[in-house]
């Protein structure tokens, strides 16, 4: 999921997707340890998605705080 798609969602929806991505990362890590993971690049993509979602949430929260101060 790219950043423009995420920015169109509400903070709650992004947080739900973030939880799903963290669960998926945990699943991939278990598969990697047990030797069942064949495509190891998926771990990298999920980690990037998590970072992207976290950044967008922080940006949205910071923007809301700035609007509240004005």
C-alpha atoms as a PDB file:
ATOM      1  CA  UNK A   1       0.000   0.000   0.000  1.00  0.00           C
ATOM      2  CA  UNK A   2       1.503   3.332  -0.979  1.00  0.00           C
ATOM      3  CA  UNK A   3       1.461   6.615   0.935  1.00  0.00           C
ATOM      4  CA  UNK A   4      -1.189   8.334  -1.183  1.00  0.00           C
ATOM      5  CA  UNK A   5      -3.649   5.517  -0.513  1.00  0.00           C
ATOM      6  CA  UNK A   6      -2.893   5.650   3.208  1.00  0.00           C
ATOM      7  CA  UNK A   7      -3.346   9.416   3.428  1.00  0.00           C
ATOM      8  CA  UNK A   8      -6.924   9.040   2.187  1.00  0.00           C
ATOM      9  CA  UNK A   9      -7.819   6.824   5.169  1.00  0.00           C
ATOM     10  CA  UNK A  10      -8.706   7.919   8.681  1.00  0.00           C
ATOM     11  CA  UNK A  11      -6.273   7.454  11.561  1.00  0.00           C
ATOM     12  CA  UNK A  12      -8.367   4.591  12.941  1.00  0.00           C
ATOM     13  CA  UNK A  13      -8.308   2.722   9.644  1.00  0.00           C
ATOM     14  CA  UNK A  14      -4.550   3.177   9.342  1.00  0.00           C
ATOM     15  CA  UNK A  15      -4.079   1.889  12.895  1.00  0.00           C
ATOM     16  CA  UNK A  16      -6.128  -1.213  12.025  1.00  0.00           C
ATOM     17  CA  UNK A  17      -3.946  -1.840   8.965  1.00  0.00           C
ATOM     18  CA  UNK A  18      -0.869  -1.256  11.129  1.00  0.00           C
ATOM     19  CA  UNK A  19      -1.969  -3.968  13.560  1.00  0.00           C
ATOM     20  CA  UNK A  20      -2.563  -6.358  10.675  1.00  0.00           C
ATOM     21  CA  UNK A  21       0.876  -5.603   9.241  1.00  0.00           C
ATOM     22  CA  UNK A  22       2.545  -6.217  12.605  1.00  0.00           C
ATOM     23  CA  UNK A  23       0.788  -9.576  12.906  1.00  0.00           C
ATOM     24  CA  UNK A  24       1.884 -10.437   9.373  1.00  0.00           C
ATOM     25  CA  UNK A  25       5.482  -9.511  10.227  1.00  0.00           C
ATOM     26  CA  UNK A  26       5.373 -11.746  13.282  1.00  0.00           C
ATOM     27  CA  UNK A  27       4.037 -14.583  11.126  1.00  0.00           C
ATOM     28  CA  UNK A  28       6.843 -14.077   8.604  1.00  0.00           C
ATOM     29  CA  UNK A  29       9.466 -14.057  11.356  1.00  0.00           C
ATOM     30  CA  UNK A  30       8.211 -17.363  12.723  1.00  0.00           C
ATOM     31  CA  UNK A  31       8.233 -18.839   9.240  1.00  0.00           C
ATOM     32  CA  UNK A  32      11.752 -17.566   8.674  1.00  0.00           C
ATOM     33  CA  UNK A  33      13.049 -19.112  11.894  1.00  0.00           C
ATOM     34  CA  UNK A  34      11.441 -22.465  11.143  1.00  0.00           C
ATOM     35  CA  UNK A  35      12.703 -22.422   7.561  1.00  0.00           C
ATOM     36  CA  UNK A  36       9.261 -22.294   5.953  1.00  0.00           C
ATOM     37  CA  UNK A  37       9.584 -18.811   4.455  1.00  0.00           C
ATOM     38  CA  UNK A  38      10.586 -19.039   0.808  1.00  0.00           C
ATOM     39  CA  UNK A  39      10.387 -15.354  -0.173  1.00  0.00           C
ATOM     40  CA  UNK A  40      12.436 -13.509   2.432  1.00  0.00           C
ATOM     41  CA  UNK A  41      11.933 -10.144   0.726  1.00  0.00           C
ATOM     42  CA  UNK A  42       8.378 -10.072   2.094  1.00  0.00           C
ATOM     43  CA  UNK A  43       9.760  -9.291   5.552  1.00  0.00           C
ATOM     44  CA  UNK A  44      11.425  -6.183   4.186  1.00  0.00           C
ATOM     45  CA  UNK A  45       8.264  -4.993   2.422  1.00  0.00           C
ATOM     46  CA  UNK A  46       6.117  -5.444   5.515  1.00  0.00           C
ATOM     47  CA  UNK A  47       8.648  -3.576   7.667  1.00  0.00           C
ATOM     48  CA  UNK A  48       8.582  -0.689   5.208  1.00  0.00           C
ATOM     49  CA  UNK A  49       4.782  -0.664   5.218  1.00  0.00           C
ATOM     50  CA  UNK A  50       4.798  -0.519   9.020  1.00  0.00           C
ATOM     51  CA  UNK A  51       7.226   2.398   8.987  1.00  0.00           C
ATOM     52  CA  UNK A  52       5.162   4.183   6.334  1.00  0.00           C
ATOM     53  CA  UNK A  53       1.943   3.782   8.313  1.00  0.00           C
ATOM     54  CA  UNK A  54       3.578   4.921  11.548  1.00  0.00           C
ATOM     55  CA  UNK A  55       4.981   8.012   9.852  1.00  0.00           C
ATOM     56  CA  UNK A  56       1.641   8.972   8.317  1.00  0.00           C
ATOM     57  CA  UNK A  57      -0.149   8.541  11.656  1.00  0.00           C
ATOM     58  CA  UNK A  58       2.376  10.818  13.350  1.00  0.00           C
ATOM     59  CA  UNK A  59       2.050  13.390  10.559  1.00  0.00           C
ATOM     60  CA  UNK A  60      -1.742  13.383  10.844  1.00  0.00           C
ATOM     61  CA  UNK A  61      -1.608  13.739  14.616  1.00  0.00           C
ATOM     62  CA  UNK A  62       0.914  16.580  14.373  1.00  0.00           C
ATOM     63  CA  UNK A  63      -1.272  18.333  11.809  1.00  0.00           C
ATOM     64  CA  UNK A  64      -4.305  18.021  14.071  1.00  0.00           C
ATOM     65  CA  UNK A  65      -2.336  19.508  16.972  1.00  0.00           C
ATOM     66  CA  UNK A  66      -1.226  22.458  14.839  1.00  0.00           C
ATOM     67  CA  UNK A  67      -4.796  23.121  13.732  1.00  0.00           C
ATOM     68  CA  UNK A  68      -5.922  23.031  17.346  1.00  0.00           C
ATOM     69  CA  UNK A  69      -3.333  25.618  18.404  1.00  0.00           C
ATOM     70  CA  UNK A  70      -4.307  28.148  15.731  1.00  0.00           C
END
